[in-house]
Amino acid sequence: MASAALKRVLVLHGYSQNAYILSKRLSALRKQCKGIVEFVFIDAPLVLEPQDLFENEPTELPEVSSDPLRDPSAVLRGWWKFADKQKQVSVGMEDSLVFLRDVLKDEVENGRRFDGLFGFSQGAAMAAVLGALLEEPSKFQDFLINGKPPHPPVSFCICAAGFLPTVPLATTILSPQSRMKTQTLHIYGMADPIIPYARAKLLTETTPNRRIETHDGGHFVPSKGPWRKFIAAWLKDPVDDKIPSPEETYTESTPLASHTASPAPEIQPS
């Protein structure tokens, strides 16, 4: 009976990660959330080749010394990628959304649903796009099944080290004008070398029902005790604005000095 009360959260990994890598990275958080949340980790459909790992950005390496041809946990994946070194031509976003549509459809057909989304880096951007699309599914007709969405809107979304995608389809679905209604928690590292504050802020502006928390680290989901307890408490009740911050001080206007890499155009949005 206890398992029926668990909140189910779909987790989307970052660029050049996979479900296995992120599940290991979040093992302490999963332990903290035992009895509260069931995290469901899935692999992105896009398999990355060496040329997809850009030289000017750090990339994740598999945390197992295995041959990707023999061990699926060593295969690096993404939700979309750029087809050119200038990062102007993106591919894969549409296929990934159709893939996620089918994941959600299977859940509903089996009498289950997801209460929320949790994404890291490129997965955080994808989680925000997916959350917004569940609110307005007609913005991408291929997401509909017989004219209906595959899954109801989720109640909450966590975007850790996220950014606003510049992929044309994503900007149609998620923008400051569309204003996603889902309760959203944004987590950013003040020493993040991948996502500068200008990019981070653009994503937060698309989610009016937001809470923003920063940490003094880099491009990762913070895992220290206060952070684990905070995230677990927020997942239990995302609308409780009295949950204390895991950091002693925080101001939304504090600039973030912005290790999966999420491919981005060379020119950052202003």
C-alpha atoms as a PDB file:
ATOM      1  CA  MET A   1       0.000   0.000   0.000  1.00  0.00           C
ATOM      2  CA  ALA A   2       2.856   2.386   0.803  1.00  0.00           C
ATOM      3  CA  SER A   3       4.257   2.180  -2.718  1.00  0.00           C
ATOM      4  CA  ALA A   4       0.978   3.450  -4.160  1.00  0.00           C
ATOM      5  CA  ALA A   5       1.541   6.794  -2.424  1.00  0.00           C
ATOM      6  CA  LEU A   6       4.939   7.333  -4.008  1.00  0.00           C
ATOM      7  CA  LYS A   7       5.251  10.271  -6.355  1.00  0.00           C
ATOM      8  CA  ARG A   8       6.590   9.128  -9.708  1.00  0.00           C
ATOM      9  CA  VAL A   9       9.163  11.378 -11.349  1.00  0.00           C
ATOM     10  CA  LEU A  10      10.497  11.002 -14.880  1.00  0.00           C
ATOM     11  CA  VAL A  11      14.223  11.835 -14.933  1.00  0.00           C
ATOM     12  CA  LEU A  12      15.984  13.139 -18.060  1.00  0.00           C
ATOM     13  CA  HIS A  13      19.777  12.990 -18.146  1.00  0.00           C
ATOM     14  CA  GLY A  14      22.173  15.548 -19.594  1.00  0.00           C
ATOM     15  CA  TYR A  15      23.986  15.672 -22.916  1.00  0.00           C
ATOM     16  CA  SER A  16      26.665  12.970 -23.266  1.00  0.00           C
ATOM     17  CA  GLN A  17      25.246  11.124 -20.261  1.00  0.00           C
ATOM     18  CA  ASN A  18      22.730   8.302 -20.014  1.00  0.00           C
ATOM     19  CA  ALA A  19      20.192   7.027 -17.493  1.00  0.00           C
ATOM     20  CA  TYR A  20      22.768   4.822 -15.753  1.00  0.00           C
ATOM     21  CA  ILE A  21      25.272   7.641 -15.225  1.00  0.00           C
ATOM     22  CA  LEU A  22      22.715  10.094 -13.846  1.00  0.00           C
ATOM     23  CA  SER A  23      21.109   7.465 -11.613  1.00  0.00           C
ATOM     24  CA  LYS A  24      24.522   6.892 -10.026  1.00  0.00           C
ATOM     25  CA  ARG A  25      25.074  10.619  -9.633  1.00  0.00           C
ATOM     26  CA  LEU A  26      21.724  10.963  -7.863  1.00  0.00           C
ATOM     27  CA  SER A  27      22.089   7.883  -5.665  1.00  0.00           C
ATOM     28  CA  ALA A  28      22.316   9.926  -2.438  1.00  0.00           C
ATOM     29  CA  LEU A  29      19.217  11.924  -3.386  1.00  0.00           C
ATOM     30  CA  ARG A  30      17.321   8.762  -4.283  1.00  0.00           C
ATOM     31  CA  LYS A  31      18.168   7.350  -0.868  1.00  0.00           C
ATOM     32  CA  GLN A  32      17.003  10.587   0.798  1.00  0.00           C
ATOM     33  CA  CYS A  33      13.700  10.380  -1.096  1.00  0.00           C
ATOM     34  CA  LYS A  34      13.027   6.730  -0.283  1.00  0.00           C
ATOM     35  CA  GLY A  35       9.367   6.324   0.603  1.00  0.00           C
ATOM     36  CA  ILE A  36       8.495   9.674  -1.016  1.00  0.00           C
ATOM     37  CA  VAL A  37       9.519   9.483  -4.667  1.00  0.00           C
ATOM     38  CA  GLU A  38      10.056   6.827  -7.295  1.00  0.00           C
ATOM     39  CA  PHE A  39      12.595   8.145  -9.814  1.00  0.00           C
ATOM     40  CA  VAL A  40      12.237   6.675 -13.310  1.00  0.00           C
ATOM     41  CA  PHE A  41      15.411   7.158 -15.362  1.00  0.00           C
ATOM     42  CA  ILE A  42      15.264   6.744 -19.133  1.00  0.00           C
ATOM     43  CA  ASP A  43      17.833   6.937 -21.928  1.00  0.00           C
ATOM     44  CA  ALA A  44      17.527   9.606 -24.595  1.00  0.00           C
ATOM     45  CA  PRO A  45      17.013   8.069 -28.052  1.00  0.00           C
ATOM     46  CA  LEU A  46      19.932   9.897 -29.698  1.00  0.00           C
ATOM     47  CA  VAL A  47      23.252   8.014 -29.563  1.00  0.00           C
ATOM     48  CA  LEU A  48      26.234  10.369 -29.731  1.00  0.00           C
ATOM     49  CA  GLU A  49      29.282   9.819 -31.889  1.00  0.00           C
ATOM     50  CA  PRO A  50      32.789  11.213 -31.165  1.00  0.00           C
ATOM     51  CA  GLN A  51      32.159  14.138 -33.526  1.00  0.00           C
ATOM     52  CA  ASP A  52      29.152  15.125 -31.405  1.00  0.00           C
ATOM     53  CA  LEU A  53      31.359  15.841 -28.389  1.00  0.00           C
ATOM     54  CA  PHE A  54      32.475  19.416 -28.937  1.00  0.00           C
ATOM     55  CA  GLU A  55      36.093  20.290 -28.267  1.00  0.00           C
ATOM     56  CA  ASN A  56      35.285  23.576 -26.539  1.00  0.00           C
ATOM     57  CA  GLU A  57      33.022  21.998 -23.910  1.00  0.00           C
ATOM     58  CA  PRO A  58      33.745  19.422 -21.230  1.00  0.00           C
ATOM     59  CA  THR A  59      31.910  16.143 -21.719  1.00  0.00           C
ATOM     60  CA  GLU A  60      30.850  13.302 -19.489  1.00  0.00           C
ATOM     61  CA  LEU A  61      32.791  10.074 -19.684  1.00  0.00           C
ATOM     62  CA  PRO A  62      31.170   6.729 -18.884  1.00  0.00           C
ATOM     63  CA  GLU A  63      31.721   5.787 -15.258  1.00  0.00           C
ATOM     64  CA  VAL A  64      32.446   2.230 -16.291  1.00  0.00           C
ATOM     65  CA  SER A  65      35.420   0.993 -18.274  1.00  0.00           C
ATOM     66  CA  SER A  66      33.283  -0.830 -20.804  1.00  0.00           C
ATOM     67  CA  ASP A  67      32.924  -1.101 -24.542  1.00  0.00           C
ATOM     68  CA  PRO A  68      29.761   0.742 -25.665  1.00  0.00           C
ATOM     69  CA  LEU A  69      29.190  -2.029 -28.187  1.00  0.00           C
ATOM     70  CA  ARG A  70      28.870  -4.537 -25.336  1.00  0.00           C
ATOM     71  CA  ASP A  71      27.620  -2.435 -22.441  1.00  0.00           C
ATOM     72  CA  PRO A  72      24.587  -0.143 -22.988  1.00  0.00           C
ATOM     73  CA  SER A  73      25.464   1.782 -19.809  1.00  0.00           C
ATOM     74  CA  ALA A  74      28.590   3.096 -21.566  1.00  0.00           C
ATOM     75  CA  VAL A  75      26.691   4.591 -24.521  1.00  0.00           C
ATOM     76  CA  LEU A  76      26.569   8.401 -24.409  1.00  0.00           C
ATOM     77  CA  ARG A  77      23.269   9.970 -25.463  1.00  0.00           C
ATOM     78  CA  GLY A  78      21.477  13.255 -25.982  1.00  0.00           C
ATOM     79  CA  TRP A  79      18.002  14.677 -26.500  1.00  0.00           C
ATOM     80  CA  TRP A  80      19.162  16.698 -29.501  1.00  0.00           C
ATOM     81  CA  LYS A  81      22.467  17.665 -31.058  1.00  0.00           C
ATOM     82  CA  PHE A  82      23.937  20.030 -33.594  1.00  0.00           C
ATOM     83  CA  ALA A  83      24.811  18.806 -37.057  1.00  0.00           C
ATOM     84  CA  ASP A  84      27.481  21.470 -37.607  1.00  0.00           C
ATOM     85  CA  LYS A  85      30.470  22.770 -35.657  1.00  0.00           C
ATOM     86  CA  GLN A  86      28.944  26.256 -35.678  1.00  0.00           C
ATOM     87  CA  LYS A  87      25.985  24.838 -33.716  1.00  0.00           C
ATOM     88  CA  GLN A  88      23.388  26.408 -35.950  1.00  0.00           C
ATOM     89  CA  VAL A  89      21.627  23.296 -37.307  1.00  0.00           C
ATOM     90  CA  SER A  90      19.951  21.147 -34.656  1.00  0.00           C
ATOM     91  CA  VAL A  91      18.611  17.619 -35.081  1.00  0.00           C
ATOM     92  CA  GLY A  92      16.778  15.184 -32.835  1.00  0.00           C
ATOM     93  CA  MET A  93      14.354  17.340 -30.837  1.00  0.00           C
ATOM     94  CA  GLU A  94      11.284  16.145 -32.748  1.00  0.00           C
ATOM     95  CA  ASP A  95      12.306  12.483 -32.502  1.00  0.00           C
ATOM     96  CA  SER A  96      12.955  12.826 -28.778  1.00  0.00           C
ATOM     97  CA  LEU A  97       9.535  14.359 -28.147  1.00  0.00           C
ATOM     98  CA  VAL A  98       7.871  11.552 -30.093  1.00  0.00           C
ATOM     99  CA  PHE A  99       9.915   9.073 -28.056  1.00  0.00           C
ATOM    100  CA  LEU A 100       8.782  10.740 -24.815  1.00  0.00           C
ATOM    101  CA  ARG A 101       5.197  10.767 -26.099  1.00  0.00           C
ATOM    102  CA  ASP A 102       5.355   6.983 -26.423  1.00  0.00           C
ATOM    103  CA  VAL A 103       6.908   6.582 -22.961  1.00  0.00           C
ATOM    104  CA  LEU A 104       4.076   8.628 -21.462  1.00  0.00           C
ATOM    105  CA  LYS A 105       1.438   6.789 -23.485  1.00  0.00           C
ATOM    106  CA  ASP A 106       2.689   3.412 -22.246  1.00  0.00           C
ATOM    107  CA  GLU A 107       2.536   4.632 -18.653  1.00  0.00           C
ATOM    108  CA  VAL A 108      -1.070   5.774 -18.991  1.00  0.00           C
ATOM    109  CA  GLU A 109      -2.097   2.582 -20.778  1.00  0.00           C
ATOM    110  CA  ASN A 110      -0.664   0.594 -17.862  1.00  0.00           C
ATOM    111  CA  GLY A 111      -2.640   2.594 -15.313  1.00  0.00           C
ATOM    112  CA  ARG A 112       0.250   4.782 -14.194  1.00  0.00           C
ATOM    113  CA  ARG A 113       1.266   8.381 -14.610  1.00  0.00           C
ATOM    114  CA  PHE A 114       4.100  10.699 -13.695  1.00  0.00           C
ATOM    115  CA  ASP A 115       3.583  13.354 -11.062  1.00  0.00           C
ATOM    116  CA  GLY A 116       6.622  15.367 -12.090  1.00  0.00           C
ATOM    117  CA  LEU A 117       9.763  15.775 -14.159  1.00  0.00           C
ATOM    118  CA  PHE A 118      13.423  16.112 -13.145  1.00  0.00           C
ATOM    119  CA  GLY A 119      16.056  17.123 -15.657  1.00  0.00           C
ATOM    120  CA  PHE A 120      19.753  17.897 -15.559  1.00  0.00           C
ATOM    121  CA  SER A 121      21.532  20.203 -18.028  1.00  0.00           C
ATOM    122  CA  GLN A 122      20.180  19.427 -21.509  1.00  0.00           C
ATOM    123  CA  GLY A 123      17.718  17.113 -19.760  1.00  0.00           C
ATOM    124  CA  ALA A 124      16.540  20.088 -17.678  1.00  0.00           C
ATOM    125  CA  ALA A 125      15.872  22.061 -20.856  1.00  0.00           C
ATOM    126  CA  MET A 126      14.035  19.059 -22.276  1.00  0.00           C
ATOM    127  CA  ALA A 127      12.021  18.621 -19.065  1.00  0.00           C
ATOM    128  CA  ALA A 128      10.870  22.238 -19.281  1.00  0.00           C
ATOM    129  CA  VAL A 129       9.895  21.784 -22.937  1.00  0.00           C
ATOM    130  CA  LEU A 130       8.026  18.573 -22.107  1.00  0.00           C
ATOM    131  CA  GLY A 131       6.240  20.169 -19.165  1.00  0.00           C
ATOM    132  CA  ALA A 132       5.117  23.096 -21.315  1.00  0.00           C
ATOM    133  CA  LEU A 133       4.046  20.768 -24.122  1.00  0.00           C
ATOM    134  CA  LEU A 134       1.893  18.737 -21.747  1.00  0.00           C
ATOM    135  CA  GLU A 135       0.086  21.990 -20.926  1.00  0.00           C
ATOM    136  CA  GLU A 136      -0.351  22.952 -24.596  1.00  0.00           C
ATOM    137  CA  PRO A 137       0.110  19.736 -26.621  1.00  0.00           C
ATOM    138  CA  SER A 138      -1.315  21.218 -29.813  1.00  0.00           C
ATOM    139  CA  LYS A 139       1.928  23.166 -30.276  1.00  0.00           C
ATOM    140  CA  PHE A 140       3.493  19.967 -31.690  1.00  0.00           C
ATOM    141  CA  GLN A 141       0.945  17.934 -33.597  1.00  0.00           C
ATOM    142  CA  ASP A 142       3.097  14.776 -33.644  1.00  0.00           C
ATOM    143  CA  PHE A 143       2.878  14.748 -29.839  1.00  0.00           C
ATOM    144  CA  LEU A 144      -0.849  14.064 -30.050  1.00  0.00           C
ATOM    145  CA  ILE A 145      -2.333  10.580 -30.375  1.00  0.00           C
ATOM    146  CA  ASN A 146      -5.654  10.581 -32.192  1.00  0.00           C
ATOM    147  CA  GLY A 147      -5.861  14.275 -31.438  1.00  0.00           C
ATOM    148  CA  LYS A 148      -5.322  13.848 -27.696  1.00  0.00           C
ATOM    149  CA  PRO A 149      -2.253  14.285 -25.444  1.00  0.00           C
ATOM    150  CA  PRO A 150      -0.616  11.058 -24.250  1.00  0.00           C
ATOM    151  CA  HIS A 151      -0.518  12.120 -20.590  1.00  0.00           C
ATOM    152  CA  PRO A 152      -2.033  14.856 -18.398  1.00  0.00           C
ATOM    153  CA  PRO A 153       0.105  17.841 -17.331  1.00  0.00           C
ATOM    154  CA  VAL A 154       2.533  17.138 -14.500  1.00  0.00           C
ATOM    155  CA  SER A 155       2.335  18.908 -11.150  1.00  0.00           C
ATOM    156  CA  PHE A 156       5.981  19.926 -10.853  1.00  0.00           C
ATOM    157  CA  CYS A 157       9.338  20.076 -12.593  1.00  0.00           C
ATOM    158  CA  ILE A 158      12.931  20.353 -11.352  1.00  0.00           C
ATOM    159  CA  CYS A 159      15.430  21.940 -13.737  1.00  0.00           C
ATOM    160  CA  ALA A 160      19.008  21.520 -12.491  1.00  0.00           C
ATOM    161  CA  ALA A 161      21.638  23.458 -14.469  1.00  0.00           C
ATOM    162  CA  GLY A 162      19.067  24.110 -17.185  1.00  0.00           C
ATOM    163  CA  PHE A 163      18.853  26.612 -20.015  1.00  0.00           C
ATOM    164  CA  LEU A 164      16.374  27.835 -22.608  1.00  0.00           C
ATOM    165  CA  PRO A 165      16.903  25.842 -25.828  1.00  0.00           C
ATOM    166  CA  THR A 166      17.377  27.722 -29.087  1.00  0.00           C
ATOM    167  CA  VAL A 167      16.033  24.832 -31.188  1.00  0.00           C
ATOM    168  CA  PRO A 168      13.167  26.294 -33.298  1.00  0.00           C
ATOM    169  CA  LEU A 169      10.583  23.751 -32.124  1.00  0.00           C
ATOM    170  CA  ALA A 170      11.545  24.346 -28.486  1.00  0.00           C
ATOM    171  CA  THR A 171      11.136  28.107 -28.828  1.00  0.00           C
ATOM    172  CA  THR A 172       7.632  27.529 -30.201  1.00  0.00           C
ATOM    173  CA  ILE A 173       6.674  25.353 -27.234  1.00  0.00           C
ATOM    174  CA  LEU A 174       8.508  27.149 -24.435  1.00  0.00           C
ATOM    175  CA  SER A 175       8.903  30.918 -24.314  1.00  0.00           C
ATOM    176  CA  PRO A 176       8.294  33.834 -21.942  1.00  0.00           C
ATOM    177  CA  GLN A 177       5.068  34.422 -23.873  1.00  0.00           C
ATOM    178  CA  SER A 178       3.766  30.860 -23.358  1.00  0.00           C
ATOM    179  CA  ARG A 179       4.533  31.024 -19.612  1.00  0.00           C
ATOM    180  CA  MET A 180       4.505  27.456 -18.360  1.00  0.00           C
ATOM    181  CA  LYS A 181       2.183  27.071 -15.353  1.00  0.00           C
ATOM    182  CA  THR A 182       3.791  23.999 -13.754  1.00  0.00           C
ATOM    183  CA  GLN A 183       5.464  24.506 -10.356  1.00  0.00           C
ATOM    184  CA  THR A 184       9.159  24.606 -11.243  1.00  0.00           C
ATOM    185  CA  LEU A 185      12.310  24.484  -9.141  1.00  0.00           C
ATOM    186  CA  HIS A 186      15.452  25.839 -10.818  1.00  0.00           C
ATOM    187  CA  ILE A 187      18.850  24.869  -9.375  1.00  0.00           C
ATOM    188  CA  TYR A 188      22.064  26.538 -10.576  1.00  0.00           C
ATOM    189  CA  GLY A 189      25.736  26.461  -9.618  1.00  0.00           C
ATOM    190  CA  MET A 190      27.404  29.837  -9.117  1.00  0.00           C
ATOM    191  CA  ALA A 191      30.656  28.379 -10.456  1.00  0.00           C
ATOM    192  CA  ASP A 192      29.036  26.602 -13.419  1.00  0.00           C
ATOM    193  CA  PRO A 193      31.384  26.938 -16.435  1.00  0.00           C
ATOM    194  CA  ILE A 194      28.777  25.662 -18.919  1.00  0.00           C
ATOM    195  CA  ILE A 195      25.594  27.653 -18.256  1.00  0.00           C
ATOM    196  CA  PRO A 196      26.190  31.396 -17.705  1.00  0.00           C
ATOM    197  CA  TYR A 197      23.588  33.380 -15.827  1.00  0.00           C
ATOM    198  CA  ALA A 198      22.184  34.989 -18.991  1.00  0.00           C
ATOM    199  CA  ARG A 199      21.152  31.579 -20.338  1.00  0.00           C
ATOM    200  CA  ALA A 200      19.948  30.314 -16.969  1.00  0.00           C
ATOM    201  CA  LYS A 201      17.748  33.356 -16.416  1.00  0.00           C
ATOM    202  CA  LEU A 202      16.036  32.961 -19.800  1.00  0.00           C
ATOM    203  CA  LEU A 203      14.679  29.575 -18.754  1.00  0.00           C
ATOM    204  CA  THR A 204      13.461  30.790 -15.367  1.00  0.00           C
ATOM    205  CA  GLU A 205      11.511  33.590 -17.058  1.00  0.00           C
ATOM    206  CA  THR A 206       9.323  31.039 -18.874  1.00  0.00           C
ATOM    207  CA  THR A 207       8.091  29.567 -15.572  1.00  0.00           C
ATOM    208  CA  PRO A 208       6.109  32.065 -13.454  1.00  0.00           C
ATOM    209  CA  ASN A 209       5.432  29.467 -10.716  1.00  0.00           C
ATOM    210  CA  ARG A 210       9.113  29.148  -9.983  1.00  0.00           C
ATOM    211  CA  ARG A 211      11.558  28.856  -7.158  1.00  0.00           C
ATOM    212  CA  ILE A 212      15.252  29.492  -7.816  1.00  0.00           C
ATOM    213  CA  GLU A 213      18.020  28.132  -5.624  1.00  0.00           C
ATOM    214  CA  THR A 214      21.765  28.468  -6.187  1.00  0.00           C
ATOM    215  CA  HIS A 215      24.801  26.653  -4.839  1.00  0.00           C
ATOM    216  CA  ASP A 216      28.474  27.566  -4.901  1.00  0.00           C
ATOM    217  CA  GLY A 217      29.540  24.628  -7.068  1.00  0.00           C
ATOM    218  CA  GLY A 218      29.673  23.893 -10.761  1.00  0.00           C
ATOM    219  CA  HIS A 219      27.637  21.972 -13.316  1.00  0.00           C
ATOM    220  CA  PHE A 220      26.041  19.270 -11.186  1.00  0.00           C
ATOM    221  CA  VAL A 221      23.094  18.488  -8.948  1.00  0.00           C
ATOM    222  CA  PRO A 222      24.212  19.366  -5.386  1.00  0.00           C
ATOM    223  CA  SER A 223      24.215  16.326  -3.113  1.00  0.00           C
ATOM    224  CA  LYS A 224      25.214  17.612   0.324  1.00  0.00           C
ATOM    225  CA  GLY A 225      22.860  16.831   3.209  1.00  0.00           C
ATOM    226  CA  PRO A 226      21.015  20.187   3.300  1.00  0.00           C
ATOM    227  CA  TRP A 227      20.409  20.004  -0.436  1.00  0.00           C
ATOM    228  CA  ARG A 228      19.143  16.422  -0.342  1.00  0.00           C
ATOM    229  CA  LYS A 229      16.733  17.308   2.455  1.00  0.00           C
ATOM    230  CA  PHE A 230      15.573  20.451   0.652  1.00  0.00           C
ATOM    231  CA  ILE A 231      14.911  18.681  -2.664  1.00  0.00           C
ATOM    232  CA  ALA A 232      13.094  15.846  -0.870  1.00  0.00           C
ATOM    233  CA  ALA A 233      10.923  18.363   1.002  1.00  0.00           C
ATOM    234  CA  TRP A 234      10.170  20.288  -2.195  1.00  0.00           C
ATOM    235  CA  LEU A 235       9.230  17.117  -4.047  1.00  0.00           C
ATOM    236  CA  LYS A 236       6.885  16.224  -1.204  1.00  0.00           C
ATOM    237  CA  ASP A 237       5.139  19.627  -1.396  1.00  0.00           C
ATOM    238  CA  PRO A 238       6.202  21.859  -4.327  1.00  0.00           C
ATOM    239  CA  VAL A 239       3.761  24.615  -3.388  1.00  0.00           C
ATOM    240  CA  ASP A 240       5.158  25.056   0.132  1.00  0.00           C
ATOM    241  CA  ASP A 241       7.102  28.321  -0.114  1.00  0.00           C
ATOM    242  CA  LYS A 242       8.132  28.093   3.522  1.00  0.00           C
ATOM    243  CA  ILE A 243      10.643  25.275   2.950  1.00  0.00           C
ATOM    244  CA  PRO A 244      13.953  26.845   4.061  1.00  0.00           C
ATOM    245  CA  SER A 245      16.649  27.397   1.461  1.00  0.00           C
ATOM    246  CA  PRO A 246      19.527  24.891   1.560  1.00  0.00           C
ATOM    247  CA  GLU A 247      21.960  27.813   1.357  1.00  0.00           C
ATOM    248  CA  GLU A 248      22.351  30.553   3.942  1.00  0.00           C
ATOM    249  CA  THR A 249      21.884  33.401   1.469  1.00  0.00           C
ATOM    250  CA  TYR A 250      20.218  33.774  -1.914  1.00  0.00           C
ATOM    251  CA  THR A 251      19.079  36.596  -4.145  1.00  0.00           C
ATOM    252  CA  GLU A 252      17.555  35.998  -7.546  1.00  0.00           C
ATOM    253  CA  SER A 253      19.542  38.906  -8.996  1.00  0.00           C
ATOM    254  CA  THR A 254      22.922  37.457  -7.987  1.00  0.00           C
ATOM    255  CA  PRO A 255      24.843  36.624 -11.184  1.00  0.00           C
ATOM    256  CA  LEU A 256      25.859  33.001 -11.604  1.00  0.00           C
ATOM    257  CA  ALA A 257      29.398  32.449 -12.889  1.00  0.00           C
ATOM    258  CA  SER A 258      28.271  30.245 -15.249  1.00  0.00           C
ATOM    259  CA  HIS A 259      30.422  18.671 -16.214  1.00  0.00           C
ATOM    260  CA  THR A 260      27.723  17.037 -18.933  1.00  0.00           C
ATOM    261  CA  ALA A 261      27.978  19.524 -21.680  1.00  0.00           C
ATOM    262  CA  SER A 262      24.796  20.735 -23.289  1.00  0.00           C
ATOM    263  CA  PRO A 263      25.495  21.942 -26.822  1.00  0.00           C
ATOM    264  CA  ALA A 264      24.608  25.573 -27.337  1.00  0.00           C
ATOM    265  CA  PRO A 265      25.061  28.121 -30.093  1.00  0.00           C
ATOM    266  CA  GLU A 266      28.359  29.977 -30.011  1.00  0.00           C
ATOM    267  CA  ILE A 267      26.482  33.277 -29.526  1.00  0.00           C
ATOM    268  CA  GLN A 268      24.690  33.257 -26.205  1.00  0.00           C
ATOM    269  CA  PRO A 269      21.262  34.915 -26.062  1.00  0.00           C
ATOM    270  CA  SER A 270      21.293  38.314 -24.429  1.00  0.00           C
END
